[in-house]
Each structure stands twice: as structure tokens, then as C-alpha cells.
């Protein structure tokens, strides 16, 4: 790590996975006046499904591992901020040097959340006795504070559906916000996740992703994209449901997910105006035609070569897990 930096590890011991849990959390306190600059997952491949890092003032539990599955809160009153996530054996991420997540002026808590396959049991060995995340911190104030916009879906994928499309779209709420990172998340049914900016009657393609690859946070800061309040950000999910029953969008392993994360920067003096952005789309009700006739014709298929190029710094291949 660079000068004036340190790391915090948050772990869940293998012994906590007793075959009856699929979602566990643990916490670590973090002192004020620091900035998060990196996330490194600590795990063995083909074990867990999803790791996420959350920050809050009052976690549901302190200094203990707890079951944070359906019907429970990670933070008291559900007031948590998602910072970063990884799935399908994805790599970590170091934020571009101009961006970081501020802890603020008071002590807060980082929360590790791990989603595992149902009934998972993990044996401990001398080289593998826990799973977790290593978070890098610095006391150097960056140019921009990092925030995240989460686009996701509610509703369901109809039974036996092929190339079913579900869209989420929202007007961007702020002016002059640099967009510097992007990532996707899904379970098993998504065949393409695409993202666009609609500006001045034109579509700007951000990515056409293949969800069969590990979940990677992609640095797009070199594109020098600055979002304005006249922009519409769009996510399209294309999914195939081979089951003879509808499958709903949700967090459980039997559900489907389709999310697109936009990482953006804000000036520190604009902090009170800028919070996490949530844009839910309804798979049965969202109607893009109210805004424009249609998305680009290739919005339902991944850009295989282009996406491989975006992933090339990470040396990842398609995941079967």
C-alpha cells in the first residue's frame, strides 16, 4: 500500500457455514476522516456466490457473525449504503486516484455480507479458514467522493420466456457528475445486460455485457463522461427462463437478479445534495415507449469482443459457477 494507507480485513470463519445458512454478515468499525480506496475479496474459488461491502452508522450486530438473510436488516432501520459487490469469482477493485468513499466525521461500521449456495459447509484448513474482504483506506482527501447508482428490477420473468426484456430507466438527478465505473450483477437467467445514456435524442452505449463472466467493476474514467440532469440512464436486461413457472426478481438464490451499478463522483461541497441513487424497473410495467420509440437493435445481445476488451485487465474467463 502507498504511504498514509492501511487495510481492514473483515472475515467470516468457515465454521459459521453449518449447512443451514446462505447469507451471513460481520462488521468492523472504521475511524472517521478516512477514505476507502480499494476492495479485495478474500475467498477460495467455487465456494461463495456473492460478496458485498456496506457502510452504516448502526449495524444490526457488532463484533459477531449473524444471519442476515430474508427478513433481517444489515443496518438498523435498513439505512445502509452499498459500496461495492463481487460475484461469480470476480476480482477486487482499486478506485481511480481521483475518487474515494469518505467515512465522514464520525466513527462508522463496514459490513461484510456473503451470499453462499444453499446448505454450504466449509471445512477449515491451515491455508483456508475464512472468507471475507480487505478494504484499503487512506487519509488523503481525493478530488471526488465516490457514490453509486443502483439500477435493478422487480417483477418476474414469465415461464418458458426466451429473450425476455426488462428495463429500468431514470432521469439523472444531478448536473456535472463524472461517471467513472460500471459493473453488473445477475444470477443465472440473464443473457445480456446493457447500459445507455440517452442524450439529445441519441443513445450513448456504455456497455453490452455478457453476464456469464465474473462480476467485474470496470474503470471507464478514460471516456471522460460527465452526466447532466438532462440525461436518462437506461439498463436493459435480456433473460431466458427455462422453467415452467414464473421466476421473480429478488435476493434469494431461487430468485433472479439483474442489476447495473454506475459509480460516479461528486464534489465534496455538493455532498448534502448527492446521495445514493436507486432506480428500480418493473419487468411488467416499465414502458420505454413513453420516452422514445425503442432502444438500439443490438440492445439484447452482448458485445462479445468489446466486453472482452473491457475485461482484459482482469484476466477472467467465463464462469460456470
Protein backbone atom coordinates (compact mmCIF):
# COMPACT_ATOMS: atom_id res chain seq x y z
CA UNK A 1 0.00 0.00 0.00
CA UNK A 2 1.05 3.63 -0.52
CA UNK A 3 2.15 5.96 2.25
CA UNK A 4 -0.70 7.09 4.56
CA UNK A 5 -2.76 4.00 3.74
CA UNK A 6 -3.84 0.93 5.69
CA UNK A 7 -6.17 -2.03 5.31
CA UNK A 8 -9.02 -3.54 7.31
CA UNK A 9 -9.95 -7.21 6.97
CA UNK A 10 -13.49 -8.42 7.71
CA UNK A 11 -13.95 -12.18 7.72
CA UNK A 12 -16.49 -14.90 8.33
CA UNK A 13 -14.96 -18.14 9.66
CA UNK A 14 -15.60 -21.35 7.77
CA UNK A 15 -17.17 -22.83 10.89
CA UNK A 16 -20.09 -20.37 10.59
CA UNK A 17 -21.28 -22.14 7.45
CA UNK A 18 -23.05 -25.01 9.18
CA UNK A 19 -25.26 -26.14 6.31
CA UNK A 20 -28.28 -24.13 7.46
CA UNK A 21 -27.34 -20.62 6.32
CA UNK A 22 -26.91 -18.96 2.97
CA UNK A 23 -26.40 -15.30 3.94
CA UNK A 24 -24.05 -14.16 6.72
CA UNK A 25 -22.70 -10.77 7.83
CA UNK A 26 -19.90 -9.42 10.00
CA UNK A 27 -18.73 -5.91 10.88
CA UNK A 28 -15.65 -3.84 11.58
CA UNK A 29 -15.51 -0.30 12.99
CA UNK A 30 -13.71 2.32 10.96
CA UNK A 31 -12.40 5.61 12.31
CA UNK A 32 -13.51 8.97 10.89
CA UNK A 33 -11.65 11.18 8.42
CA UNK A 34 -10.55 8.30 6.19
CA UNK A 35 -11.36 7.35 2.62
CA UNK A 36 -11.94 3.93 1.06
CA UNK A 37 -9.75 3.36 -1.99
CA UNK A 38 -9.89 -0.40 -2.67
CA UNK A 39 -11.76 -3.67 -2.19
CA UNK A 40 -10.08 -7.07 -2.30
CA UNK A 41 -12.22 -10.20 -1.83
CA UNK A 42 -10.58 -12.95 0.24
CA UNK A 43 -12.03 -16.30 -0.77
CA UNK A 44 -11.48 -19.66 -2.39
CA UNK A 45 -12.93 -20.07 -5.88
CA UNK A 46 -16.11 -22.08 -6.36
CA UNK A 47 -17.26 -21.64 -2.77
CA UNK A 48 -19.30 -18.47 -2.17
CA UNK A 49 -21.54 -16.74 -4.72
CA UNK A 50 -21.56 -13.08 -3.80
CA UNK A 51 -19.60 -10.68 -1.58
CA UNK A 52 -20.73 -7.13 -0.88
CA UNK A 53 -19.42 -4.27 1.25
CA UNK A 54 -21.88 -1.97 3.03
CA UNK A 55 -21.38 1.00 5.34
CA UNK A 56 -23.74 2.26 8.04
CA UNK A 57 -23.88 4.14 11.33
CA UNK A 58 -25.61 1.40 13.32
CA UNK A 59 -25.26 -2.20 12.10
CA UNK A 60 -27.78 -4.76 13.31
CA UNK A 61 -24.99 -6.52 15.24
CA UNK A 62 -21.47 -5.59 16.33
CA UNK A 63 -18.47 -7.88 16.83
CA UNK A 64 -20.28 -11.04 15.84
CA UNK A 65 -21.29 -13.01 12.77
CA UNK A 66 -25.03 -13.09 12.20
CA UNK A 67 -27.57 -14.49 9.78
CA UNK A 68 -28.63 -11.53 7.63
CA UNK A 69 -30.95 -13.47 5.34
CA UNK A 70 -34.51 -12.76 4.29
CA UNK A 71 -36.47 -10.51 6.64
CA UNK A 72 -33.47 -9.11 8.52
CA UNK A 73 -31.63 -5.81 8.26
CA UNK A 74 -27.92 -5.40 7.68
CA UNK A 75 -28.13 -1.98 9.34
CA UNK A 76 -30.72 -0.70 11.79
CA UNK A 77 -33.84 0.63 10.05
CA UNK A 78 -32.46 -0.63 6.74
CA UNK A 79 -30.43 2.56 6.26
CA UNK A 80 -27.34 1.08 4.64
CA UNK A 81 -25.20 2.25 1.74
CA UNK A 82 -23.93 -0.38 -0.66
CA UNK A 83 -20.32 0.36 -1.57
CA UNK A 84 -19.19 -2.47 -3.83
CA UNK A 85 -20.03 -6.04 -4.78
CA UNK A 86 -18.45 -9.08 -6.44
CA UNK A 87 -19.92 -12.33 -7.75
CA UNK A 88 -19.00 -15.40 -9.80
CA UNK A 89 -15.39 -15.46 -8.56
CA UNK A 90 -14.69 -11.90 -9.62
CA UNK A 91 -11.57 -9.85 -8.73
CA UNK A 92 -11.16 -6.85 -6.46
CA UNK A 93 -11.09 -3.20 -7.44
CA UNK A 94 -8.88 -0.20 -6.78
CA UNK A 95 -10.69 3.09 -7.37
CA UNK A 96 -9.09 5.62 -9.74
CA UNK A 97 -6.91 8.01 -7.74
CA UNK A 98 -9.29 10.98 -8.07
CA UNK A 99 -12.11 9.07 -6.31
CA UNK A 100 -12.68 7.57 -2.85
CA UNK A 101 -15.50 6.85 -0.40
CA UNK A 102 -15.36 9.15 2.65
CA UNK A 103 -16.06 7.67 6.07
CA UNK A 104 -17.14 11.08 7.35
CA UNK A 105 -16.58 12.94 10.60
CA UNK A 106 -17.69 10.18 12.98
CA UNK A 107 -16.99 6.52 13.57
CA UNK A 108 -18.93 4.20 11.25
CA UNK A 109 -19.12 0.49 10.54
CA UNK A 110 -18.17 -1.51 7.48
CA UNK A 111 -20.35 -4.56 6.96
CA UNK A 112 -19.32 -7.65 5.03
CA UNK A 113 -22.21 -9.60 3.51
CA UNK A 114 -21.61 -13.02 1.96
CA UNK A 115 -24.19 -14.96 -0.05
CA UNK A 116 -23.40 -18.66 -0.30
CA UNK A 117 -25.00 -21.65 -2.03
CA UNK A 118 -27.78 -23.30 -0.01
CA UNK A 119 -26.66 -25.71 2.72
CA UNK A 120 -22.99 -24.81 2.26
CA UNK A 121 -20.47 -26.26 4.71
CA UNK A 122 -16.82 -25.22 4.69
CA UNK A 123 -14.06 -27.14 6.39
CA UNK A 124 -11.12 -25.18 7.79
CA UNK A 125 -7.54 -25.91 6.81
CA UNK A 126 -4.25 -24.24 7.67
CA UNK A 127 -4.43 -22.20 4.45
CA UNK A 128 -8.19 -21.64 4.26
CA UNK A 129 -10.21 -20.91 7.39
CA UNK A 130 -12.33 -17.87 6.50
CA UNK A 131 -13.84 -15.81 3.69
CA UNK A 132 -14.03 -12.05 3.64
CA UNK A 133 -12.86 -8.76 2.23
CA UNK A 134 -9.82 -6.48 2.63
CA UNK A 135 -10.66 -2.79 2.42
CA UNK A 136 -7.98 -0.21 1.66
CA UNK A 137 -8.10 3.18 3.39
CA UNK A 138 -6.20 6.44 3.12
CA UNK A 139 -6.23 9.75 4.96
CA UNK A 140 -5.60 11.64 1.71
CA UNK A 141 -8.70 13.52 0.56
CA UNK A 142 -9.43 12.88 -3.15
CA UNK A 143 -10.86 15.24 -5.70
CA UNK A 144 -14.24 13.49 -5.73
CA UNK A 145 -16.23 11.45 -3.26
CA UNK A 146 -17.46 8.22 -4.82
CA UNK A 147 -21.17 7.40 -4.95
CA UNK A 148 -23.14 4.63 -6.59
CA UNK A 149 -26.35 4.46 -8.61
CA UNK A 150 -28.06 1.06 -8.50
CA UNK A 151 -30.41 0.09 -11.29
CA UNK A 152 -32.36 -3.09 -10.59
CA UNK A 153 -35.54 -5.00 -11.39
CA UNK A 154 -38.75 -6.03 -9.64
CA UNK A 155 -41.50 -8.23 -11.05
CA UNK A 156 -40.89 -11.60 -12.67
CA UNK A 157 -39.65 -13.47 -15.74
CA UNK A 158 -42.55 -15.39 -17.29
CA UNK A 159 -42.43 -19.17 -17.52
CA UNK A 160 -40.70 -20.53 -20.64
CA UNK A 161 -39.72 -17.00 -21.72
CA UNK A 162 -36.92 -16.62 -24.25
CA UNK A 163 -35.14 -13.28 -24.79
CA UNK A 164 -37.49 -11.57 -22.35
CA UNK A 165 -36.52 -7.91 -21.86
CA UNK A 166 -36.85 -5.91 -18.65
CA UNK A 167 -35.87 -2.25 -18.46
CA UNK A 168 -35.01 0.29 -15.77
CA UNK A 169 -34.59 3.96 -16.68
CA UNK A 170 -34.46 7.22 -14.75
CA UNK A 171 -33.64 10.83 -15.39
CA UNK A 172 -30.24 11.57 -13.91
CA UNK A 173 -30.86 13.82 -10.87
CA UNK A 174 -27.64 15.89 -10.83
CA UNK A 175 -25.51 18.08 -13.06
CA UNK A 176 -21.78 17.80 -13.72
CA UNK A 177 -21.20 14.33 -12.24
CA UNK A 178 -18.31 12.30 -13.70
CA UNK A 179 -19.22 8.67 -14.42
CA UNK A 180 -16.09 6.61 -13.80
CA UNK A 181 -17.06 2.96 -13.18
CA UNK A 182 -19.68 0.38 -14.09
CA UNK A 183 -20.49 -3.21 -13.16
CA UNK A 184 -23.28 -5.76 -13.48
CA UNK A 185 -24.87 -8.47 -11.34
CA UNK A 186 -27.22 -11.35 -12.16
CA UNK A 187 -27.92 -14.93 -11.17
CA UNK A 188 -28.41 -17.48 -13.98
CA UNK A 189 -31.06 -16.32 -16.45
CA UNK A 190 -29.63 -13.09 -17.86
CA UNK A 191 -28.06 -13.42 -21.31
CA UNK A 192 -27.23 -9.72 -21.75
CA UNK A 193 -27.14 -6.60 -19.57
CA UNK A 194 -26.82 -3.35 -21.48
CA UNK A 195 -26.44 0.24 -20.38
CA UNK A 196 -27.02 3.52 -22.20
CA UNK A 197 -27.18 7.27 -21.73
CA UNK A 198 -29.97 8.93 -23.70
CA UNK A 199 -28.83 12.46 -24.51
CA UNK A 200 -30.06 14.95 -27.12
CA UNK A 201 -32.14 12.28 -28.90
CA UNK A 202 -29.17 9.91 -29.18
CA UNK A 203 -28.09 6.77 -27.33
CA UNK A 204 -24.58 6.58 -25.90
CA UNK A 205 -23.69 2.94 -25.32
CA UNK A 206 -21.88 2.31 -22.04
CA UNK A 207 -21.61 -1.45 -22.34
CA UNK A 208 -23.32 -4.57 -23.64
CA UNK A 209 -22.21 -7.11 -21.08
CA UNK A 210 -22.17 -10.90 -21.08
CA UNK A 211 -23.31 -11.97 -17.57
CA UNK A 212 -21.61 -15.36 -17.87
CA UNK A 213 -18.30 -13.70 -16.96
CA UNK A 214 -17.25 -13.00 -13.35
CA UNK A 215 -18.61 -9.76 -11.95
CA UNK A 216 -16.00 -7.06 -12.54
CA UNK A 217 -16.04 -3.34 -11.78
CA UNK A 218 -14.82 -1.65 -14.94
CA UNK A 219 -12.95 1.66 -14.90
CA UNK A 220 -14.41 3.89 -17.62
CA UNK A 221 -12.88 7.15 -16.37
CA UNK A 222 -10.81 7.45 -19.57
CA UNK A 223 -14.05 8.05 -21.50
CA UNK A 224 -14.47 11.37 -19.66
CA UNK A 225 -18.25 11.04 -19.35
CA UNK A 226 -19.96 13.78 -17.34
CA UNK A 227 -23.62 13.21 -16.56
CA UNK A 228 -26.17 16.02 -16.65
CA UNK A 229 -29.71 16.34 -15.32
CA UNK A 230 -30.99 16.27 -18.91
CA UNK A 231 -29.67 12.70 -19.35
CA UNK A 232 -31.64 9.47 -18.99
CA UNK A 233 -29.68 6.42 -17.80
CA UNK A 234 -31.03 3.09 -19.01
CA UNK A 235 -30.48 -0.56 -18.15
CA UNK A 236 -31.87 -3.38 -20.27
CA UNK A 237 -31.83 -6.99 -19.07
CA UNK A 238 -32.40 -9.80 -21.54
CA UNK A 239 -33.30 -13.09 -19.89
CA UNK A 240 -34.35 -16.64 -20.70
CA UNK A 241 -36.43 -18.66 -18.22
CA UNK A 242 -36.38 -22.41 -19.00
CA UNK A 243 -38.74 -23.22 -16.13
CA UNK A 244 -42.43 -23.96 -16.36
CA UNK A 245 -43.09 -21.39 -13.66
CA UNK A 246 -42.61 -17.66 -13.36
CA UNK A 247 -39.39 -16.65 -11.58
CA UNK A 248 -39.48 -13.43 -9.58
CA UNK A 249 -36.71 -10.89 -9.16
CA UNK A 250 -35.36 -10.98 -5.61
CA UNK A 251 -32.37 -11.67 -3.37
CA UNK A 252 -32.90 -15.38 -2.64
CA UNK A 253 -30.91 -18.00 -4.54
CA UNK A 254 -34.12 -19.29 -6.16
CA UNK A 255 -34.90 -15.79 -7.45
CA UNK A 256 -33.30 -13.93 -10.32
CA UNK A 257 -31.41 -10.65 -10.16
CA UNK A 258 -30.39 -8.17 -12.81
CA UNK A 259 -28.54 -5.07 -11.65
CA UNK A 260 -26.35 -2.41 -13.19
CA UNK A 261 -24.12 -0.32 -10.92
CA UNK A 262 -22.97 3.14 -12.00
CA UNK A 263 -20.07 4.60 -9.98
CA UNK A 264 -19.90 8.37 -10.13
CA UNK A 265 -18.12 11.24 -8.41
CA UNK A 266 -19.36 14.33 -6.64
CA UNK A 267 -17.58 17.37 -5.28
CA UNK A 268 -17.39 17.38 -1.50
CA UNK A 269 -19.24 20.68 -1.20
CA UNK A 270 -22.21 19.07 -3.00
CA UNK A 271 -22.40 16.09 -0.63
CA UNK A 272 -25.67 17.04 1.07
CA UNK A 273 -27.37 17.21 -2.31
CA UNK A 274 -25.98 13.92 -3.59
CA UNK A 275 -26.90 10.54 -2.14
CA UNK A 276 -27.05 7.02 -3.47
CA UNK A 277 -29.33 6.79 -6.49
CA UNK A 278 -31.81 3.92 -6.75
CA UNK A 279 -33.66 3.26 -10.00
CA UNK A 280 -35.97 0.21 -9.89
CA UNK A 281 -37.59 -1.05 -13.06
CA UNK A 282 -40.75 -3.16 -13.15
CA UNK A 283 -40.44 -6.07 -15.57
CA UNK A 284 -44.18 -6.00 -16.25
CA UNK A 285 -44.86 -2.25 -16.19
CA UNK A 286 -41.80 -0.25 -17.27
CA UNK A 287 -42.54 1.22 -20.69
CA UNK A 288 -39.67 2.83 -22.58
CA UNK A 289 -42.00 3.87 -25.38
CA UNK A 290 -43.21 6.72 -23.17
CA UNK A 291 -39.82 8.36 -23.70
CA UNK A 292 -38.62 7.08 -27.08
CA UNK A 293 -39.61 4.53 -29.66
CA UNK A 294 -37.06 1.81 -28.94
CA UNK A 295 -33.53 1.02 -27.82
CA UNK A 296 -30.83 0.21 -30.38
CA UNK A 297 -31.47 -3.03 -32.24
CA UNK A 298 -28.49 -4.80 -30.67
CA UNK A 299 -29.53 -3.93 -27.09
CA UNK A 300 -30.49 -7.56 -26.38
CA UNK A 301 -27.13 -9.14 -27.25
CA UNK A 302 -23.70 -8.79 -25.63
CA UNK A 303 -20.85 -7.12 -27.47
CA UNK A 304 -18.59 -10.15 -27.10
CA UNK A 305 -15.40 -8.61 -28.44
CA UNK A 306 -15.96 -5.21 -26.88
CA UNK A 307 -16.77 -6.70 -23.48
CA UNK A 308 -13.73 -8.98 -23.61
CA UNK A 309 -11.62 -5.89 -24.23
CA UNK A 310 -13.13 -4.16 -21.19
CA UNK A 311 -12.38 -7.26 -19.09
CA UNK A 312 -8.85 -7.76 -20.44
CA UNK A 313 -7.06 -6.10 -17.46
CA UNK A 314 -8.59 -8.72 -15.13
CA UNK A 315 -7.61 -11.93 -16.94
CA UNK A 316 -11.01 -13.57 -16.36
CA UNK A 317 -12.84 -16.22 -18.36
CA UNK A 318 -16.48 -17.23 -18.48
CA UNK A 319 -17.69 -18.66 -15.20
CA UNK A 320 -19.55 -21.94 -14.81
CA UNK A 321 -20.14 -21.30 -11.14
